[in-house]
Amino acid sequence: MKSLSFILVALFTIAATAQKTDYNLKKGYVAEGYDVTEYFNNKAIKGNKEFTTTYDGAKFKFASHENLEAFLLTPEKFIPQYGGYCAYAIADKGKKVSIDPETFEIRDGKLYLFYNSWGVNTLEKWNEEGAAALKKKADIEWKSVRTKH
């Protein structure tokens, strides 16, 4: 009976700490260590190791104590869509693709990050091809993509 109790406690602990979202943790942090709160000020600013937190099993970095506090009050407001993977790649290919943390968009109060390298700026494609339609497609794709590794 004692071992059954231990197993149940262990399973509960694992379930409680498991991530709800598969985050893009390149460089060990969501948004490659950029401050997710600053995107809402239309700025891409690297976070500071001094101001970090873990939310939903993923690490976040912030540029200031004030930004960390703002995140802690309403983390859901600042979490990038699609786990911080390229929004265009989720919609277009159904694939998790890394991002350029300086290529982003705030749309309807949500943060979207994009790949921008080797002459391909997926934020431009996102807007050219119709962001609203691509967002709907990405929302659907993400339901199955987020569980693939």
N, C-alpha and C. Protein backbone atom coordinates (compact mmCIF):
# COMPACT_ATOMS: atom_id res chain seq x y z
N MET A 1 0.82 -1.20 0.00
CA MET A 1 0.00 0.00 0.00
C MET A 1 0.87 1.26 0.00
N LYS A 2 1.96 1.20 0.74
CA LYS A 2 2.86 2.34 0.82
C LYS A 2 3.43 2.68 -0.57
N SER A 3 3.80 1.65 -1.34
CA SER A 3 4.37 1.89 -2.67
C SER A 3 3.32 2.44 -3.63
N LEU A 4 2.06 2.03 -3.47
CA LEU A 4 0.99 2.56 -4.31
C LEU A 4 0.80 4.05 -4.04
N SER A 5 0.86 4.45 -2.79
CA SER A 5 0.74 5.87 -2.43
C SER A 5 1.88 6.66 -3.05
N PHE A 6 3.10 6.11 -2.99
CA PHE A 6 4.26 6.78 -3.57
C PHE A 6 4.09 6.94 -5.08
N ILE A 7 3.63 5.91 -5.74
CA ILE A 7 3.42 5.96 -7.20
C ILE A 7 2.38 7.02 -7.55
N LEU A 8 1.29 7.05 -6.80
CA LEU A 8 0.25 8.06 -7.06
C LEU A 8 0.77 9.47 -6.86
N VAL A 9 1.55 9.70 -5.82
CA VAL A 9 2.14 11.02 -5.57
C VAL A 9 3.09 11.38 -6.70
N ALA A 10 3.92 10.42 -7.12
CA ALA A 10 4.87 10.67 -8.21
C ALA A 10 4.14 11.01 -9.51
N LEU A 11 3.10 10.26 -9.82
CA LEU A 11 2.33 10.54 -11.05
C LEU A 11 1.66 11.90 -10.98
N PHE A 12 1.11 12.26 -9.83
CA PHE A 12 0.48 13.56 -9.67
C PHE A 12 1.51 14.67 -9.85
N THR A 13 2.69 14.49 -9.28
CA THR A 13 3.75 15.49 -9.40
C THR A 13 4.16 15.67 -10.85
N ILE A 14 4.34 14.58 -11.56
CA ILE A 14 4.71 14.65 -12.98
C ILE A 14 3.61 15.36 -13.77
N ALA A 15 2.37 15.01 -13.53
CA ALA A 15 1.25 15.63 -14.26
C ALA A 15 1.16 17.12 -13.95
N ALA A 16 1.41 17.48 -12.70
CA ALA A 16 1.30 18.89 -12.30
C ALA A 16 2.42 19.73 -12.90
N THR A 17 3.59 19.13 -13.16
CA THR A 17 4.70 19.91 -13.68
C THR A 17 4.86 19.78 -15.19
N ALA A 18 4.11 18.92 -15.82
CA ALA A 18 4.22 18.75 -17.28
C ALA A 18 3.75 20.01 -17.99
N GLN A 19 4.44 20.32 -19.08
CA GLN A 19 4.07 21.50 -19.85
C GLN A 19 2.73 21.28 -20.54
N LYS A 20 1.91 22.32 -20.55
CA LYS A 20 0.67 22.28 -21.31
C LYS A 20 0.96 22.52 -22.78
N THR A 21 2.01 23.26 -23.05
CA THR A 21 2.37 23.65 -24.42
C THR A 21 3.78 23.17 -24.73
N ASP A 22 4.01 22.79 -25.97
CA ASP A 22 5.37 22.47 -26.43
C ASP A 22 6.00 23.79 -26.86
N TYR A 23 6.92 24.29 -26.07
CA TYR A 23 7.54 25.58 -26.35
C TYR A 23 8.81 25.44 -27.17
N ASN A 24 9.06 26.42 -28.01
CA ASN A 24 10.32 26.54 -28.74
C ASN A 24 11.32 27.12 -27.74
N LEU A 25 12.24 26.29 -27.29
CA LEU A 25 13.18 26.71 -26.25
C LEU A 25 14.61 26.81 -26.77
N LYS A 26 14.76 27.26 -28.01
CA LYS A 26 16.09 27.47 -28.55
C LYS A 26 16.79 28.49 -27.63
N LYS A 27 18.03 28.22 -27.32
CA LYS A 27 18.83 29.04 -26.38
C LYS A 27 18.30 28.91 -24.95
N GLY A 28 17.46 27.91 -24.69
CA GLY A 28 17.01 27.62 -23.34
C GLY A 28 15.81 28.40 -22.83
N TYR A 29 15.35 29.36 -23.61
CA TYR A 29 14.25 30.23 -23.17
C TYR A 29 13.21 30.38 -24.29
N VAL A 30 11.98 30.67 -23.89
CA VAL A 30 10.95 31.04 -24.86
C VAL A 30 11.41 32.32 -25.55
N ALA A 31 11.13 32.46 -26.83
CA ALA A 31 11.52 33.62 -27.65
C ALA A 31 13.03 33.85 -27.63
N GLU A 32 13.78 32.74 -27.52
CA GLU A 32 15.25 32.79 -27.51
C GLU A 32 15.80 33.76 -26.47
N GLY A 33 15.06 33.93 -25.38
CA GLY A 33 15.53 34.80 -24.30
C GLY A 33 15.16 36.26 -24.45
N TYR A 34 14.35 36.58 -25.45
CA TYR A 34 13.87 37.95 -25.59
C TYR A 34 12.71 38.16 -24.61
N ASP A 35 12.53 39.39 -24.20
CA ASP A 35 11.50 39.75 -23.22
C ASP A 35 10.13 39.79 -23.91
N VAL A 36 9.27 38.81 -23.58
CA VAL A 36 7.96 38.72 -24.25
C VAL A 36 7.05 39.90 -23.93
N THR A 37 7.28 40.58 -22.81
CA THR A 37 6.43 41.74 -22.50
C THR A 37 6.76 42.94 -23.38
N GLU A 38 8.02 43.06 -23.78
CA GLU A 38 8.44 44.20 -24.60
C GLU A 38 7.86 44.16 -26.02
N TYR A 39 7.54 42.97 -26.51
CA TYR A 39 6.91 42.89 -27.83
C TYR A 39 5.62 43.72 -27.87
N PHE A 40 4.94 43.79 -26.73
CA PHE A 40 3.68 44.53 -26.67
C PHE A 40 3.91 46.04 -26.63
N ASN A 41 5.17 46.45 -26.52
CA ASN A 41 5.58 47.85 -26.67
C ASN A 41 6.20 48.05 -28.05
N ASN A 42 6.01 47.06 -28.93
CA ASN A 42 6.55 47.06 -30.30
C ASN A 42 8.08 47.09 -30.32
N LYS A 43 8.69 46.38 -29.35
CA LYS A 43 10.15 46.32 -29.25
C LYS A 43 10.58 44.87 -29.07
N ALA A 44 11.68 44.51 -29.71
CA ALA A 44 12.31 43.20 -29.49
C ALA A 44 13.58 43.46 -28.68
N ILE A 45 13.51 43.12 -27.39
CA ILE A 45 14.62 43.41 -26.48
C ILE A 45 15.01 42.11 -25.77
N LYS A 46 16.33 41.85 -25.75
CA LYS A 46 16.83 40.66 -25.05
C LYS A 46 16.58 40.79 -23.56
N GLY A 47 16.24 39.66 -22.96
CA GLY A 47 16.07 39.61 -21.52
C GLY A 47 17.41 39.52 -20.81
N ASN A 48 17.36 39.71 -19.52
CA ASN A 48 18.53 39.70 -18.66
C ASN A 48 18.44 38.48 -17.74
N LYS A 49 19.54 37.74 -17.57
CA LYS A 49 19.55 36.55 -16.71
C LYS A 49 19.10 36.86 -15.28
N GLU A 50 19.24 38.10 -14.89
CA GLU A 50 18.85 38.52 -13.55
C GLU A 50 17.34 38.45 -13.33
N PHE A 51 16.58 38.55 -14.43
CA PHE A 51 15.11 38.60 -14.33
C PHE A 51 14.52 37.44 -15.14
N THR A 52 14.42 36.29 -14.48
CA THR A 52 13.88 35.10 -15.16
C THR A 52 12.79 34.47 -14.32
N THR A 53 11.96 33.69 -14.98
CA THR A 53 10.97 32.88 -14.28
C THR A 53 10.68 31.66 -15.12
N THR A 54 10.05 30.69 -14.50
CA THR A 54 9.57 29.51 -15.21
C THR A 54 8.06 29.51 -15.12
N TYR A 55 7.44 29.34 -16.27
CA TYR A 55 5.97 29.27 -16.33
C TYR A 55 5.61 28.11 -17.25
N ASP A 56 4.70 27.28 -16.81
CA ASP A 56 4.26 26.12 -17.60
C ASP A 56 5.45 25.26 -18.03
N GLY A 57 6.45 25.16 -17.17
CA GLY A 57 7.61 24.33 -17.43
C GLY A 57 8.64 24.94 -18.38
N ALA A 58 8.44 26.18 -18.80
CA ALA A 58 9.35 26.84 -19.74
C ALA A 58 9.95 28.09 -19.09
N LYS A 59 11.21 28.38 -19.44
CA LYS A 59 11.89 29.55 -18.90
C LYS A 59 11.64 30.79 -19.75
N PHE A 60 11.50 31.92 -19.07
CA PHE A 60 11.32 33.22 -19.70
C PHE A 60 12.33 34.18 -19.10
N LYS A 61 12.84 35.09 -19.94
CA LYS A 61 13.78 36.13 -19.51
C LYS A 61 13.14 37.50 -19.74
N PHE A 62 13.48 38.46 -18.88
CA PHE A 62 12.91 39.80 -18.98
C PHE A 62 13.99 40.86 -18.87
N ALA A 63 13.73 42.01 -19.45
CA ALA A 63 14.69 43.11 -19.45
C ALA A 63 14.74 43.84 -18.12
N SER A 64 13.67 43.74 -17.34
CA SER A 64 13.62 44.47 -16.07
C SER A 64 12.74 43.73 -15.06
N HIS A 65 12.89 44.13 -13.81
CA HIS A 65 12.06 43.57 -12.75
C HIS A 65 10.58 43.91 -13.00
N GLU A 66 10.32 45.11 -13.49
CA GLU A 66 8.94 45.53 -13.76
C GLU A 66 8.29 44.64 -14.82
N ASN A 67 9.06 44.28 -15.85
CA ASN A 67 8.52 43.41 -16.90
C ASN A 67 8.25 42.00 -16.36
N LEU A 68 9.14 41.51 -15.52
CA LEU A 68 8.94 40.21 -14.88
C LEU A 68 7.65 40.23 -14.06
N GLU A 69 7.46 41.29 -13.29
CA GLU A 69 6.25 41.44 -12.47
C GLU A 69 5.00 41.48 -13.34
N ALA A 70 5.05 42.22 -14.44
CA ALA A 70 3.90 42.31 -15.36
C ALA A 70 3.55 40.91 -15.90
N PHE A 71 4.57 40.15 -16.25
CA PHE A 71 4.35 38.79 -16.76
C PHE A 71 3.71 37.92 -15.68
N LEU A 72 4.23 38.00 -14.47
CA LEU A 72 3.72 37.17 -13.38
C LEU A 72 2.26 37.46 -13.06
N LEU A 73 1.82 38.70 -13.29
CA LEU A 73 0.41 39.06 -13.04
C LEU A 73 -0.53 38.41 -14.05
N THR A 74 -0.14 38.40 -15.33
CA THR A 74 -1.00 37.83 -16.38
C THR A 74 -0.15 37.14 -17.46
N PRO A 75 0.46 36.01 -17.12
CA PRO A 75 1.36 35.36 -18.08
C PRO A 75 0.69 34.99 -19.40
N GLU A 76 -0.57 34.59 -19.37
CA GLU A 76 -1.26 34.17 -20.59
C GLU A 76 -1.30 35.28 -21.63
N LYS A 77 -1.31 36.51 -21.18
CA LYS A 77 -1.34 37.66 -22.10
C LYS A 77 -0.08 37.71 -22.96
N PHE A 78 1.05 37.27 -22.41
CA PHE A 78 2.34 37.46 -23.07
C PHE A 78 2.90 36.22 -23.77
N ILE A 79 2.31 35.08 -23.53
CA ILE A 79 2.82 33.82 -24.11
C ILE A 79 2.70 33.89 -25.63
N PRO A 80 3.78 33.61 -26.36
CA PRO A 80 3.68 33.61 -27.83
C PRO A 80 2.76 32.48 -28.32
N GLN A 81 2.06 32.75 -29.39
CA GLN A 81 1.19 31.75 -29.99
C GLN A 81 2.03 30.61 -30.56
N TYR A 82 1.45 29.44 -30.59
CA TYR A 82 2.08 28.24 -31.17
C TYR A 82 3.41 27.91 -30.49
N GLY A 83 3.47 28.15 -29.18
CA GLY A 83 4.65 27.80 -28.41
C GLY A 83 5.88 28.61 -28.74
N GLY A 84 5.71 29.67 -29.52
CA GLY A 84 6.86 30.49 -29.91
C GLY A 84 7.55 29.99 -31.17
N TYR A 85 6.93 29.03 -31.85
CA TYR A 85 7.45 28.60 -33.15
C TYR A 85 6.93 29.55 -34.22
N CYS A 86 7.50 29.49 -35.41
CA CYS A 86 7.10 30.36 -36.51
C CYS A 86 5.63 30.15 -36.86
N ALA A 87 4.84 31.20 -36.73
CA ALA A 87 3.41 31.12 -37.00
C ALA A 87 3.13 30.76 -38.46
N TYR A 88 3.90 31.32 -39.37
CA TYR A 88 3.70 31.04 -40.80
C TYR A 88 3.96 29.56 -41.10
N ALA A 89 5.03 29.00 -40.56
CA ALA A 89 5.38 27.60 -40.83
C ALA A 89 4.32 26.65 -40.26
N ILE A 90 3.75 27.00 -39.12
CA ILE A 90 2.68 26.17 -38.55
C ILE A 90 1.50 26.17 -39.51
N ALA A 91 1.13 27.34 -40.01
CA ALA A 91 -0.02 27.45 -40.92
C ALA A 91 0.26 26.83 -42.28
N ASP A 92 1.41 27.14 -42.86
CA ASP A 92 1.71 26.75 -44.24
C ASP A 92 2.15 25.30 -44.39
N LYS A 93 2.97 24.82 -43.47
CA LYS A 93 3.56 23.48 -43.61
C LYS A 93 3.17 22.53 -42.49
N GLY A 94 2.51 23.06 -41.44
CA GLY A 94 2.20 22.21 -40.30
C GLY A 94 3.45 21.72 -39.61
N LYS A 95 4.50 22.58 -39.57
CA LYS A 95 5.78 22.20 -38.98
C LYS A 95 6.25 23.24 -37.97
N LYS A 96 6.97 22.74 -36.96
CA LYS A 96 7.58 23.63 -35.96
C LYS A 96 8.92 24.09 -36.51
N VAL A 97 9.03 25.40 -36.72
CA VAL A 97 10.24 25.99 -37.27
C VAL A 97 10.71 27.08 -36.31
N SER A 98 12.02 27.17 -36.11
CA SER A 98 12.59 28.20 -35.25
C SER A 98 12.27 29.59 -35.79
N ILE A 99 12.57 30.58 -34.99
CA ILE A 99 12.19 31.96 -35.32
C ILE A 99 13.40 32.88 -35.27
N ASP A 100 13.21 34.07 -35.79
CA ASP A 100 14.11 35.20 -35.55
C ASP A 100 13.37 36.01 -34.49
N PRO A 101 13.87 36.09 -33.26
CA PRO A 101 13.11 36.75 -32.20
C PRO A 101 12.85 38.24 -32.45
N GLU A 102 13.48 38.80 -33.47
CA GLU A 102 13.23 40.21 -33.78
C GLU A 102 12.17 40.38 -34.88
N THR A 103 11.60 39.27 -35.33
CA THR A 103 10.55 39.31 -36.36
C THR A 103 9.27 38.83 -35.70
N PHE A 104 8.36 39.77 -35.46
CA PHE A 104 7.16 39.47 -34.67
C PHE A 104 6.00 40.35 -35.09
N GLU A 105 4.84 39.98 -34.62
CA GLU A 105 3.63 40.78 -34.84
C GLU A 105 2.72 40.60 -33.63
N ILE A 106 2.08 41.69 -33.23
CA ILE A 106 1.00 41.62 -32.25
C ILE A 106 -0.29 41.76 -33.06
N ARG A 107 -1.11 40.74 -32.99
CA ARG A 107 -2.38 40.74 -33.74
C ARG A 107 -3.49 40.35 -32.77
N ASP A 108 -4.49 41.19 -32.67
CA ASP A 108 -5.62 40.94 -31.77
C ASP A 108 -5.15 40.65 -30.33
N GLY A 109 -4.12 41.37 -29.90
CA GLY A 109 -3.63 41.24 -28.54
C GLY A 109 -2.80 39.99 -28.28
N LYS A 110 -2.38 39.30 -29.34
CA LYS A 110 -1.58 38.08 -29.21
C LYS A 110 -0.24 38.26 -29.91
N LEU A 111 0.79 37.57 -29.39
CA LEU A 111 2.15 37.64 -29.93
C LEU A 111 2.39 36.49 -30.90
N TYR A 112 2.84 36.83 -32.11
CA TYR A 112 3.21 35.85 -33.13
C TYR A 112 4.66 36.09 -33.51
N LEU A 113 5.44 35.01 -33.56
CA LEU A 113 6.86 35.09 -33.91
C LEU A 113 7.07 34.41 -35.27
N PHE A 114 8.15 34.83 -35.99
CA PHE A 114 8.36 34.39 -37.36
C PHE A 114 9.82 34.10 -37.64
N TYR A 115 10.03 33.24 -38.63
CA TYR A 115 11.36 32.93 -39.17
C TYR A 115 11.74 34.06 -40.12
N ASN A 116 13.00 34.49 -40.07
CA ASN A 116 13.48 35.53 -40.98
C ASN A 116 14.98 35.32 -41.17
N SER A 117 15.34 34.58 -42.21
CA SER A 117 16.74 34.30 -42.48
C SER A 117 16.88 33.83 -43.91
N TRP A 118 18.11 33.92 -44.43
CA TRP A 118 18.40 33.46 -45.79
C TRP A 118 17.45 34.05 -46.83
N GLY A 119 17.08 35.31 -46.64
CA GLY A 119 16.24 36.00 -47.61
C GLY A 119 14.77 35.63 -47.53
N VAL A 120 14.37 34.89 -46.50
CA VAL A 120 12.97 34.51 -46.34
C VAL A 120 12.44 35.15 -45.06
N ASN A 121 11.52 36.09 -45.22
CA ASN A 121 10.87 36.73 -44.07
C ASN A 121 9.43 36.23 -44.05
N THR A 122 9.14 35.31 -43.15
CA THR A 122 7.80 34.72 -43.15
C THR A 122 6.74 35.67 -42.61
N LEU A 123 7.13 36.72 -41.90
CA LEU A 123 6.15 37.73 -41.50
C LEU A 123 5.60 38.44 -42.74
N GLU A 124 6.48 38.73 -43.68
CA GLU A 124 6.02 39.35 -44.94
C GLU A 124 5.06 38.41 -45.67
N LYS A 125 5.41 37.12 -45.74
CA LYS A 125 4.53 36.13 -46.40
C LYS A 125 3.20 36.03 -45.67
N TRP A 126 3.24 36.03 -44.36
CA TRP A 126 2.06 35.97 -43.49
C TRP A 126 1.09 37.09 -43.87
N ASN A 127 1.62 38.29 -44.02
CA ASN A 127 0.78 39.44 -44.36
C ASN A 127 0.36 39.44 -45.83
N GLU A 128 1.26 39.07 -46.74
CA GLU A 128 0.94 39.04 -48.17
C GLU A 128 -0.14 38.00 -48.49
N GLU A 129 -0.05 36.85 -47.84
CA GLU A 129 -0.96 35.74 -48.15
C GLU A 129 -2.27 35.79 -47.36
N GLY A 130 -2.36 36.73 -46.43
CA GLY A 130 -3.60 36.89 -45.66
C GLY A 130 -3.48 36.36 -44.25
N ALA A 131 -3.07 37.22 -43.35
CA ALA A 131 -2.81 36.84 -41.96
C ALA A 131 -4.04 36.22 -41.29
N ALA A 132 -5.21 36.76 -41.53
CA ALA A 132 -6.41 36.25 -40.86
C ALA A 132 -6.68 34.80 -41.25
N ALA A 133 -6.59 34.49 -42.53
CA ALA A 133 -6.82 33.11 -43.00
C ALA A 133 -5.71 32.18 -42.51
N LEU A 134 -4.47 32.66 -42.56
CA LEU A 134 -3.36 31.84 -42.10
C LEU A 134 -3.44 31.57 -40.59
N LYS A 135 -3.90 32.55 -39.83
CA LYS A 135 -4.06 32.37 -38.39
C LYS A 135 -5.07 31.26 -38.12
N LYS A 136 -6.19 31.28 -38.83
CA LYS A 136 -7.20 30.22 -38.65
C LYS A 136 -6.61 28.85 -38.97
N LYS A 137 -5.85 28.79 -40.05
CA LYS A 137 -5.23 27.52 -40.45
C LYS A 137 -4.20 27.09 -39.40
N ALA A 138 -3.40 28.01 -38.90
CA ALA A 138 -2.39 27.70 -37.89
C ALA A 138 -3.05 27.22 -36.59
N ASP A 139 -4.16 27.83 -36.21
CA ASP A 139 -4.87 27.40 -35.01
C ASP A 139 -5.27 25.93 -35.11
N ILE A 140 -5.74 25.53 -36.29
CA ILE A 140 -6.15 24.14 -36.53
C ILE A 140 -4.92 23.22 -36.55
N GLU A 141 -3.90 23.62 -37.30
CA GLU A 141 -2.67 22.82 -37.42
C GLU A 141 -2.00 22.61 -36.07
N TRP A 142 -1.98 23.65 -35.25
CA TRP A 142 -1.27 23.59 -33.97
C TRP A 142 -1.83 22.48 -33.08
N LYS A 143 -3.11 22.19 -33.19
CA LYS A 143 -3.72 21.14 -32.35
C LYS A 143 -3.03 19.80 -32.55
N SER A 144 -2.60 19.50 -33.77
CA SER A 144 -1.91 18.23 -34.00
C SER A 144 -0.39 18.39 -33.99
N VAL A 145 0.12 19.53 -34.43
CA VAL A 145 1.55 19.76 -34.52
C VAL A 145 2.20 19.83 -33.14
N ARG A 146 1.53 20.39 -32.18
CA ARG A 146 2.16 20.63 -30.87
C ARG A 146 2.57 19.35 -30.15
N THR A 147 2.01 18.22 -30.51
CA THR A 147 2.37 16.97 -29.84
C THR A 147 3.47 16.21 -30.58
N LYS A 148 3.86 16.65 -31.78
CA LYS A 148 4.92 16.00 -32.54
C LYS A 148 6.27 16.57 -32.13
N HIS A 149 7.27 15.73 -32.09
CA HIS A 149 8.61 16.21 -31.74
C HIS A 149 9.55 16.16 -32.88
